[in-house]
mmCIF file of all heavy atoms, coordinates in Angstrom:
data_MODEL
# 
_entry.id   MODEL 
# 
loop_
_atom_site.group_PDB 
_atom_site.id 
_atom_site.type_symbol 
_atom_site.label_atom_id 
_atom_site.label_alt_id 
_atom_site.label_comp_id 
_atom_site.label_asym_id 
_atom_site.label_entity_id 
_atom_site.label_seq_id 
_atom_site.pdbx_PDB_ins_code 
_atom_site.Cartn_x 
_atom_site.Cartn_y 
_atom_site.Cartn_z 
_atom_site.occupancy 
_atom_site.B_iso_or_equiv 
_atom_site.pdbx_formal_charge 
_atom_site.auth_seq_id 
_atom_site.auth_comp_id 
_atom_site.auth_asym_id 
_atom_site.auth_atom_id 
_atom_site.pdbx_PDB_model_num 
ATOM 1   N N   . GLY A 1 1  ? 104.217 97.562  83.212 1.00 0.00 ? 1  GLY A N   1 
ATOM 2   C CA  . GLY A 1 1  ? 103.846 98.071  81.905 1.00 0.00 ? 1  GLY A CA  1 
ATOM 3   C C   . GLY A 1 1  ? 102.475 97.554  81.492 1.00 0.00 ? 1  GLY A C   1 
ATOM 4   O O   . GLY A 1 1  ? 101.744 96.956  82.301 1.00 0.00 ? 1  GLY A O   1 
ATOM 5   N N   . GLY A 1 2  ? 102.114 97.793  80.264 1.00 0.00 ? 2  GLY A N   1 
ATOM 6   C CA  . GLY A 1 2  ? 100.793 97.401  79.730 1.00 0.00 ? 2  GLY A CA  1 
ATOM 7   C C   . GLY A 1 2  ? 100.383 98.234  78.575 1.00 0.00 ? 2  GLY A C   1 
ATOM 8   O O   . GLY A 1 2  ? 101.186 98.970  78.010 1.00 0.00 ? 2  GLY A O   1 
ATOM 9   N N   . ARG A 1 3  ? 99.103  98.184  78.251 1.00 0.00 ? 3  ARG A N   1 
ATOM 10  C CA  . ARG A 1 3  ? 98.609  98.833  77.013 1.00 0.00 ? 3  ARG A CA  1 
ATOM 11  C C   . ARG A 1 3  ? 98.731  100.348 77.076 1.00 0.00 ? 3  ARG A C   1 
ATOM 12  O O   . ARG A 1 3  ? 98.667  101.001 76.015 1.00 0.00 ? 3  ARG A O   1 
ATOM 13  C CB  . ARG A 1 3  ? 97.166  98.429  76.745 1.00 0.00 ? 3  ARG A CB  1 
ATOM 14  C CG  . ARG A 1 3  ? 96.169  98.884  77.779 1.00 0.00 ? 3  ARG A CG  1 
ATOM 15  C CD  . ARG A 1 3  ? 94.706  98.924  77.215 1.00 0.00 ? 3  ARG A CD  1 
ATOM 16  N NE  . ARG A 1 3  ? 94.310  97.645  76.651 1.00 0.00 ? 3  ARG A NE  1 
ATOM 17  C CZ  . ARG A 1 3  ? 93.488  96.784  77.325 1.00 0.00 ? 3  ARG A CZ  1 
ATOM 18  N NH1 . ARG A 1 3  ? 93.033  97.097  78.512 1.00 0.00 ? 3  ARG A NH1 1 
ATOM 19  N NH2 . ARG A 1 3  ? 93.147  95.670  76.784 1.00 0.00 ? 3  ARG A NH2 1 
ATOM 20  N N   . MET A 1 4  ? 98.909  100.926 78.240 1.00 0.00 ? 4  MET A N   1 
ATOM 21  C CA  . MET A 1 4  ? 99.014  102.379 78.369 1.00 0.00 ? 4  MET A CA  1 
ATOM 22  C C   . MET A 1 4  ? 100.444 102.912 78.259 1.00 0.00 ? 4  MET A C   1 
ATOM 23  O O   . MET A 1 4  ? 100.701 104.071 78.458 1.00 0.00 ? 4  MET A O   1 
ATOM 24  C CB  . MET A 1 4  ? 98.355  102.862 79.674 1.00 0.00 ? 4  MET A CB  1 
ATOM 25  C CG  . MET A 1 4  ? 96.885  102.560 79.769 1.00 0.00 ? 4  MET A CG  1 
ATOM 26  S SD  . MET A 1 4  ? 96.133  103.049 81.327 1.00 0.00 ? 4  MET A SD  1 
ATOM 27  C CE  . MET A 1 4  ? 95.924  104.819 81.074 1.00 0.00 ? 4  MET A CE  1 
ATOM 28  N N   . GLU A 1 5  ? 101.357 102.018 77.938 1.00 0.00 ? 5  GLU A N   1 
ATOM 29  C CA  . GLU A 1 5  ? 102.766 102.444 77.768 1.00 0.00 ? 5  GLU A CA  1 
ATOM 30  C C   . GLU A 1 5  ? 102.863 103.538 76.695 1.00 0.00 ? 5  GLU A C   1 
ATOM 31  O O   . GLU A 1 5  ? 103.660 104.469 76.843 1.00 0.00 ? 5  GLU A O   1 
ATOM 32  C CB  . GLU A 1 5  ? 103.633 101.270 77.395 1.00 0.00 ? 5  GLU A CB  1 
ATOM 33  C CG  . GLU A 1 5  ? 103.875 100.247 78.528 1.00 0.00 ? 5  GLU A CG  1 
ATOM 34  C CD  . GLU A 1 5  ? 104.741 99.110  78.056 1.00 0.00 ? 5  GLU A CD  1 
ATOM 35  O OE1 . GLU A 1 5  ? 105.583 99.297  77.200 1.00 0.00 ? 5  GLU A OE1 1 
ATOM 36  O OE2 . GLU A 1 5  ? 104.532 97.976  78.580 1.00 0.00 ? 5  GLU A OE2 1 
ATOM 37  N N   . THR A 1 6  ? 102.148 103.384 75.629 1.00 0.00 ? 6  THR A N   1 
ATOM 38  C CA  . THR A 1 6  ? 102.209 104.352 74.507 1.00 0.00 ? 6  THR A CA  1 
ATOM 39  C C   . THR A 1 6  ? 101.759 105.717 75.008 1.00 0.00 ? 6  THR A C   1 
ATOM 40  O O   . THR A 1 6  ? 102.357 106.748 74.672 1.00 0.00 ? 6  THR A O   1 
ATOM 41  C CB  . THR A 1 6  ? 101.324 103.922 73.319 1.00 0.00 ? 6  THR A CB  1 
ATOM 42  O OG1 . THR A 1 6  ? 101.800 102.619 72.904 1.00 0.00 ? 6  THR A OG1 1 
ATOM 43  C CG2 . THR A 1 6  ? 101.425 104.899 72.176 1.00 0.00 ? 6  THR A CG2 1 
ATOM 44  N N   . ALA A 1 7  ? 100.694 105.737 75.823 1.00 0.00 ? 7  ALA A N   1 
ATOM 45  C CA  . ALA A 1 7  ? 100.210 107.013 76.360 1.00 0.00 ? 7  ALA A CA  1 
ATOM 46  C C   . ALA A 1 7  ? 101.226 107.617 77.284 1.00 0.00 ? 7  ALA A C   1 
ATOM 47  O O   . ALA A 1 7  ? 101.413 108.832 77.286 1.00 0.00 ? 7  ALA A O   1 
ATOM 48  C CB  . ALA A 1 7  ? 98.893  106.785 77.095 1.00 0.00 ? 7  ALA A CB  1 
ATOM 49  N N   . LEU A 1 8  ? 101.914 106.798 78.084 1.00 0.00 ? 8  LEU A N   1 
ATOM 50  C CA  . LEU A 1 8  ? 102.944 107.322 78.951 1.00 0.00 ? 8  LEU A CA  1 
ATOM 51  C C   . LEU A 1 8  ? 104.074 107.941 78.141 1.00 0.00 ? 8  LEU A C   1 
ATOM 52  O O   . LEU A 1 8  ? 104.543 109.075 78.489 1.00 0.00 ? 8  LEU A O   1 
ATOM 53  C CB  . LEU A 1 8  ? 103.524 106.188 79.842 1.00 0.00 ? 8  LEU A CB  1 
ATOM 54  C CG  . LEU A 1 8  ? 104.698 106.568 80.717 1.00 0.00 ? 8  LEU A CG  1 
ATOM 55  C CD1 . LEU A 1 8  ? 104.266 107.626 81.749 1.00 0.00 ? 8  LEU A CD1 1 
ATOM 56  C CD2 . LEU A 1 8  ? 105.275 105.350 81.424 1.00 0.00 ? 8  LEU A CD2 1 
ATOM 57  N N   . ALA A 1 9  ? 104.492 107.283 77.100 1.00 0.00 ? 9  ALA A N   1 
ATOM 58  C CA  . ALA A 1 9  ? 105.560 107.824 76.253 1.00 0.00 ? 9  ALA A CA  1 
ATOM 59  C C   . ALA A 1 9  ? 105.156 109.153 75.610 1.00 0.00 ? 9  ALA A C   1 
ATOM 60  O O   . ALA A 1 9  ? 105.928 110.103 75.537 1.00 0.00 ? 9  ALA A O   1 
ATOM 61  C CB  . ALA A 1 9  ? 105.958 106.824 75.187 1.00 0.00 ? 9  ALA A CB  1 
ATOM 62  N N   . ALA A 1 10 ? 103.885 109.199 75.150 1.00 0.00 ? 10 ALA A N   1 
ATOM 63  C CA  . ALA A 1 10 ? 103.392 110.422 74.537 1.00 0.00 ? 10 ALA A CA  1 
ATOM 64  C C   . ALA A 1 10 ? 103.337 111.567 75.522 1.00 0.00 ? 10 ALA A C   1 
ATOM 65  O O   . ALA A 1 10 ? 103.483 112.732 75.112 1.00 0.00 ? 10 ALA A O   1 
ATOM 66  C CB  . ALA A 1 10 ? 101.988 110.163 73.939 1.00 0.00 ? 10 ALA A CB  1 
ATOM 67  N N   . ALA A 1 11 ? 103.177 111.272 76.793 1.00 0.00 ? 11 ALA A N   1 
ATOM 68  C CA  . ALA A 1 11 ? 103.150 112.295 77.828 1.00 0.00 ? 11 ALA A CA  1 
ATOM 69  C C   . ALA A 1 11 ? 104.547 112.734 78.223 1.00 0.00 ? 11 ALA A C   1 
ATOM 70  O O   . ALA A 1 11 ? 104.700 113.656 79.010 1.00 0.00 ? 11 ALA A O   1 
ATOM 71  C CB  . ALA A 1 11 ? 102.382 111.788 79.067 1.00 0.00 ? 11 ALA A CB  1 
ATOM 72  N N   . GLY A 1 12 ? 105.563 112.042 77.688 1.00 0.00 ? 12 GLY A N   1 
ATOM 73  C CA  . GLY A 1 12 ? 106.943 112.363 78.044 1.00 0.00 ? 12 GLY A CA  1 
ATOM 74  C C   . GLY A 1 12 ? 107.480 111.560 79.180 1.00 0.00 ? 12 GLY A C   1 
ATOM 75  O O   . GLY A 1 12 ? 108.642 111.820 79.622 1.00 0.00 ? 12 GLY A O   1 
ATOM 76  N N   . GLY A 1 13 ? 106.711 110.624 79.698 1.00 0.00 ? 13 GLY A N   1 
ATOM 77  C CA  . GLY A 1 13 ? 107.144 109.772 80.782 1.00 0.00 ? 13 GLY A CA  1 
ATOM 78  C C   . GLY A 1 13 ? 108.086 108.692 80.323 1.00 0.00 ? 13 GLY A C   1 
ATOM 79  O O   . GLY A 1 13 ? 108.104 108.306 79.142 1.00 0.00 ? 13 GLY A O   1 
ATOM 80  N N   . GLU A 1 14 ? 108.862 108.146 81.259 1.00 0.00 ? 14 GLU A N   1 
ATOM 81  C CA  . GLU A 1 14 ? 109.811 107.105 80.956 1.00 0.00 ? 14 GLU A CA  1 
ATOM 82  C C   . GLU A 1 14 ? 109.529 105.890 81.766 1.00 0.00 ? 14 GLU A C   1 
ATOM 83  O O   . GLU A 1 14 ? 109.435 105.928 83.022 1.00 0.00 ? 14 GLU A O   1 
ATOM 84  C CB  . GLU A 1 14 ? 111.250 107.578 81.275 1.00 0.00 ? 14 GLU A CB  1 
ATOM 85  C CG  . GLU A 1 14 ? 111.600 108.853 80.558 1.00 0.00 ? 14 GLU A CG  1 
ATOM 86  C CD  . GLU A 1 14 ? 112.928 109.478 81.038 1.00 0.00 ? 14 GLU A CD  1 
ATOM 87  O OE1 . GLU A 1 14 ? 113.910 108.691 81.163 1.00 0.00 ? 14 GLU A OE1 1 
ATOM 88  O OE2 . GLU A 1 14 ? 112.962 110.682 81.311 1.00 0.00 ? 14 GLU A OE2 1 
ATOM 89  N N   . LEU A 1 15 ? 109.305 104.729 81.138 1.00 0.00 ? 15 LEU A N   1 
ATOM 90  C CA  . LEU A 1 15 ? 108.958 103.512 81.851 1.00 0.00 ? 15 LEU A CA  1 
ATOM 91  C C   . LEU A 1 15 ? 110.204 102.826 82.366 1.00 0.00 ? 15 LEU A C   1 
ATOM 92  O O   . LEU A 1 15 ? 111.166 102.596 81.648 1.00 0.00 ? 15 LEU A O   1 
ATOM 93  C CB  . LEU A 1 15 ? 108.209 102.555 80.877 1.00 0.00 ? 15 LEU A CB  1 
ATOM 94  C CG  . LEU A 1 15 ? 107.856 101.179 81.442 1.00 0.00 ? 15 LEU A CG  1 
ATOM 95  C CD1 . LEU A 1 15 ? 106.858 101.317 82.587 1.00 0.00 ? 15 LEU A CD1 1 
ATOM 96  C CD2 . LEU A 1 15 ? 107.293 100.274 80.348 1.00 0.00 ? 15 LEU A CD2 1 
ATOM 97  N N   . VAL A 1 16 ? 110.142 102.471 83.623 1.00 0.00 ? 16 VAL A N   1 
ATOM 98  C CA  . VAL A 1 16 ? 111.159 101.606 84.278 1.00 0.00 ? 16 VAL A CA  1 
ATOM 99  C C   . VAL A 1 16 ? 110.481 100.276 84.445 1.00 0.00 ? 16 VAL A C   1 
ATOM 100 O O   . VAL A 1 16 ? 109.660 100.088 85.382 1.00 0.00 ? 16 VAL A O   1 
ATOM 101 C CB  . VAL A 1 16 ? 111.667 102.205 85.598 1.00 0.00 ? 16 VAL A CB  1 
ATOM 102 C CG1 . VAL A 1 16 ? 112.655 101.267 86.249 1.00 0.00 ? 16 VAL A CG1 1 
ATOM 103 C CG2 . VAL A 1 16 ? 112.233 103.586 85.386 1.00 0.00 ? 16 VAL A CG2 1 
ATOM 104 N N   . ARG A 1 17 ? 110.793 99.298  83.579 1.00 0.00 ? 17 ARG A N   1 
ATOM 105 C CA  . ARG A 1 17 ? 110.032 98.065  83.619 1.00 0.00 ? 17 ARG A CA  1 
ATOM 106 C C   . ARG A 1 17 ? 110.566 97.103  84.686 1.00 0.00 ? 17 ARG A C   1 
ATOM 107 O O   . ARG A 1 17 ? 111.677 96.596  84.626 1.00 0.00 ? 17 ARG A O   1 
ATOM 108 C CB  . ARG A 1 17 ? 110.145 97.381  82.242 1.00 0.00 ? 17 ARG A CB  1 
ATOM 109 C CG  . ARG A 1 17 ? 109.091 96.258  82.067 1.00 0.00 ? 17 ARG A CG  1 
ATOM 110 C CD  . ARG A 1 17 ? 109.216 95.576  80.738 1.00 0.00 ? 17 ARG A CD  1 
ATOM 111 N NE  . ARG A 1 17 ? 109.109 96.506  79.634 1.00 0.00 ? 17 ARG A NE  1 
ATOM 112 C CZ  . ARG A 1 17 ? 107.952 96.957  79.115 1.00 0.00 ? 17 ARG A CZ  1 
ATOM 113 N NH1 . ARG A 1 17 ? 106.814 96.566  79.663 1.00 0.00 ? 17 ARG A NH1 1 
ATOM 114 N NH2 . ARG A 1 17 ? 107.927 97.776  78.111 1.00 0.00 ? 17 ARG A NH2 1 
ATOM 115 N N   . LEU A 1 18 ? 109.733 96.950  85.690 1.00 0.00 ? 18 LEU A N   1 
ATOM 116 C CA  . LEU A 1 18 ? 110.069 96.061  86.820 1.00 0.00 ? 18 LEU A CA  1 
ATOM 117 C C   . LEU A 1 18 ? 108.803 95.347  87.270 1.00 0.00 ? 18 LEU A C   1 
ATOM 118 O O   . LEU A 1 18 ? 107.672 95.849  87.022 1.00 0.00 ? 18 LEU A O   1 
ATOM 119 C CB  . LEU A 1 18 ? 110.639 96.855  88.005 1.00 0.00 ? 18 LEU A CB  1 
ATOM 120 C CG  . LEU A 1 18 ? 112.038 97.445  87.823 1.00 0.00 ? 18 LEU A CG  1 
ATOM 121 C CD1 . LEU A 1 18 ? 112.382 98.410  88.953 1.00 0.00 ? 18 LEU A CD1 1 
ATOM 122 C CD2 . LEU A 1 18 ? 113.076 96.297  87.806 1.00 0.00 ? 18 LEU A CD2 1 
ATOM 123 N N   . PRO A 1 19 ? 108.912 94.197  87.933 1.00 0.00 ? 19 PRO A N   1 
ATOM 124 C CA  . PRO A 1 19 ? 107.723 93.427  88.325 1.00 0.00 ? 19 PRO A CA  1 
ATOM 125 C C   . PRO A 1 19 ? 107.051 94.057  89.570 1.00 0.00 ? 19 PRO A C   1 
ATOM 126 O O   . PRO A 1 19 ? 106.958 93.419  90.643 1.00 0.00 ? 19 PRO A O   1 
ATOM 127 C CB  . PRO A 1 19 ? 108.305 92.042  88.625 1.00 0.00 ? 19 PRO A CB  1 
ATOM 128 C CG  . PRO A 1 19 ? 109.707 92.294  89.072 1.00 0.00 ? 19 PRO A CG  1 
ATOM 129 C CD  . PRO A 1 19 ? 110.158 93.483  88.220 1.00 0.00 ? 19 PRO A CD  1 
ATOM 130 N N   . MET A 1 20 ? 106.562 95.275  89.414 1.00 0.00 ? 20 MET A N   1 
ATOM 131 C CA  . MET A 1 20 ? 105.991 96.001  90.561 1.00 0.00 ? 20 MET A CA  1 
ATOM 132 C C   . MET A 1 20 ? 104.690 95.370  91.042 1.00 0.00 ? 20 MET A C   1 
ATOM 133 O O   . MET A 1 20 ? 104.223 95.699  92.137 1.00 0.00 ? 20 MET A O   1 
ATOM 134 C CB  . MET A 1 20 ? 105.788 97.469  90.208 1.00 0.00 ? 20 MET A CB  1 
ATOM 135 C CG  . MET A 1 20 ? 107.026 98.204  89.760 1.00 0.00 ? 20 MET A CG  1 
ATOM 136 S SD  . MET A 1 20 ? 108.456 98.046  90.842 1.00 0.00 ? 20 MET A SD  1 
ATOM 137 C CE  . MET A 1 20 ? 107.788 98.546  92.433 1.00 0.00 ? 20 MET A CE  1 
ATOM 138 N N   . GLN A 1 21 ? 104.088 94.526  90.247 1.00 0.00 ? 21 GLN A N   1 
ATOM 139 C CA  . GLN A 1 21 ? 102.833 93.893  90.617 1.00 0.00 ? 21 GLN A CA  1 
ATOM 140 C C   . GLN A 1 21 ? 103.002 92.736  91.584 1.00 0.00 ? 21 GLN A C   1 
ATOM 141 O O   . GLN A 1 21 ? 102.046 92.263  92.191 1.00 0.00 ? 21 GLN A O   1 
ATOM 142 C CB  . GLN A 1 21 ? 102.068 93.411  89.353 1.00 0.00 ? 21 GLN A CB  1 
ATOM 143 C CG  . GLN A 1 21 ? 102.483 92.064  88.819 1.00 0.00 ? 21 GLN A CG  1 
ATOM 144 C CD  . GLN A 1 21 ? 103.891 92.062  88.206 1.00 0.00 ? 21 GLN A CD  1 
ATOM 145 O OE1 . GLN A 1 21 ? 104.493 93.085  87.980 1.00 0.00 ? 21 GLN A OE1 1 
ATOM 146 N NE2 . GLN A 1 21 ? 104.405 90.890  87.881 1.00 0.00 ? 21 GLN A NE2 1 
ATOM 147 N N   . SER A 1 22 ? 104.237 92.268  91.702 1.00 0.00 ? 22 SER A N   1 
ATOM 148 C CA  . SER A 1 22 ? 104.459 91.003  92.458 1.00 0.00 ? 22 SER A CA  1 
ATOM 149 C C   . SER A 1 22 ? 104.272 91.191  93.985 1.00 0.00 ? 22 SER A C   1 
ATOM 150 O O   . SER A 1 22 ? 104.715 92.215  94.572 1.00 0.00 ? 22 SER A O   1 
ATOM 151 C CB  . SER A 1 22 ? 105.885 90.500  92.203 1.00 0.00 ? 22 SER A CB  1 
ATOM 152 O OG  . SER A 1 22 ? 106.136 89.341  92.944 1.00 0.00 ? 22 SER A OG  1 
ATOM 153 N N   . LYS A 1 23 ? 103.702 90.178  94.614 1.00 0.00 ? 23 LYS A N   1 
ATOM 154 C CA  . LYS A 1 23 ? 103.577 90.150  96.091 1.00 0.00 ? 23 LYS A CA  1 
ATOM 155 C C   . LYS A 1 23 ? 104.494 89.132  96.715 1.00 0.00 ? 23 LYS A C   1 
ATOM 156 O O   . LYS A 1 23 ? 104.419 88.882  97.904 1.00 0.00 ? 23 LYS A O   1 
ATOM 157 C CB  . LYS A 1 23 ? 102.129 89.872  96.465 1.00 0.00 ? 23 LYS A CB  1 
ATOM 158 C CG  . LYS A 1 23 ? 101.140 90.977  96.008 1.00 0.00 ? 23 LYS A CG  1 
ATOM 159 C CD  . LYS A 1 23 ? 99.709  90.638  96.422 1.00 0.00 ? 23 LYS A CD  1 
ATOM 160 C CE  . LYS A 1 23 ? 98.747  91.715  95.951 1.00 0.00 ? 23 LYS A CE  1 
ATOM 161 N NZ  . LYS A 1 23 ? 97.337  91.436  96.331 1.00 0.00 ? 23 LYS A NZ  1 
ATOM 162 N N   . ASN A 1 24 ? 105.357 88.564  95.873 1.00 0.00 ? 24 ASN A N   1 
ATOM 163 C CA  . ASN A 1 24 ? 106.299 87.566  96.360 1.00 0.00 ? 24 ASN A CA  1 
ATOM 164 C C   . ASN A 1 24 ? 107.430 88.286  97.113 1.00 0.00 ? 24 ASN A C   1 
ATOM 165 O O   . ASN A 1 24 ? 108.081 89.166  96.542 1.00 0.00 ? 24 ASN A O   1 
ATOM 166 C CB  . ASN A 1 24 ? 106.882 86.805  95.185 1.00 0.00 ? 24 ASN A CB  1 
ATOM 167 C CG  . ASN A 1 24 ? 107.860 85.716  95.590 1.00 0.00 ? 24 ASN A CG  1 
ATOM 168 O OD1 . ASN A 1 24 ? 108.779 85.970  96.369 1.00 0.00 ? 24 ASN A OD1 1 
ATOM 169 N ND2 . ASN A 1 24 ? 107.656 84.513  95.071 1.00 0.00 ? 24 ASN A ND2 1 
# 
């Protein structure tokens, strides 16, 4: 997630919040 979450929601998208940035 991040500051563009609002734009995603406005586009009709659905956020699945997971630590996708991790390299662990």
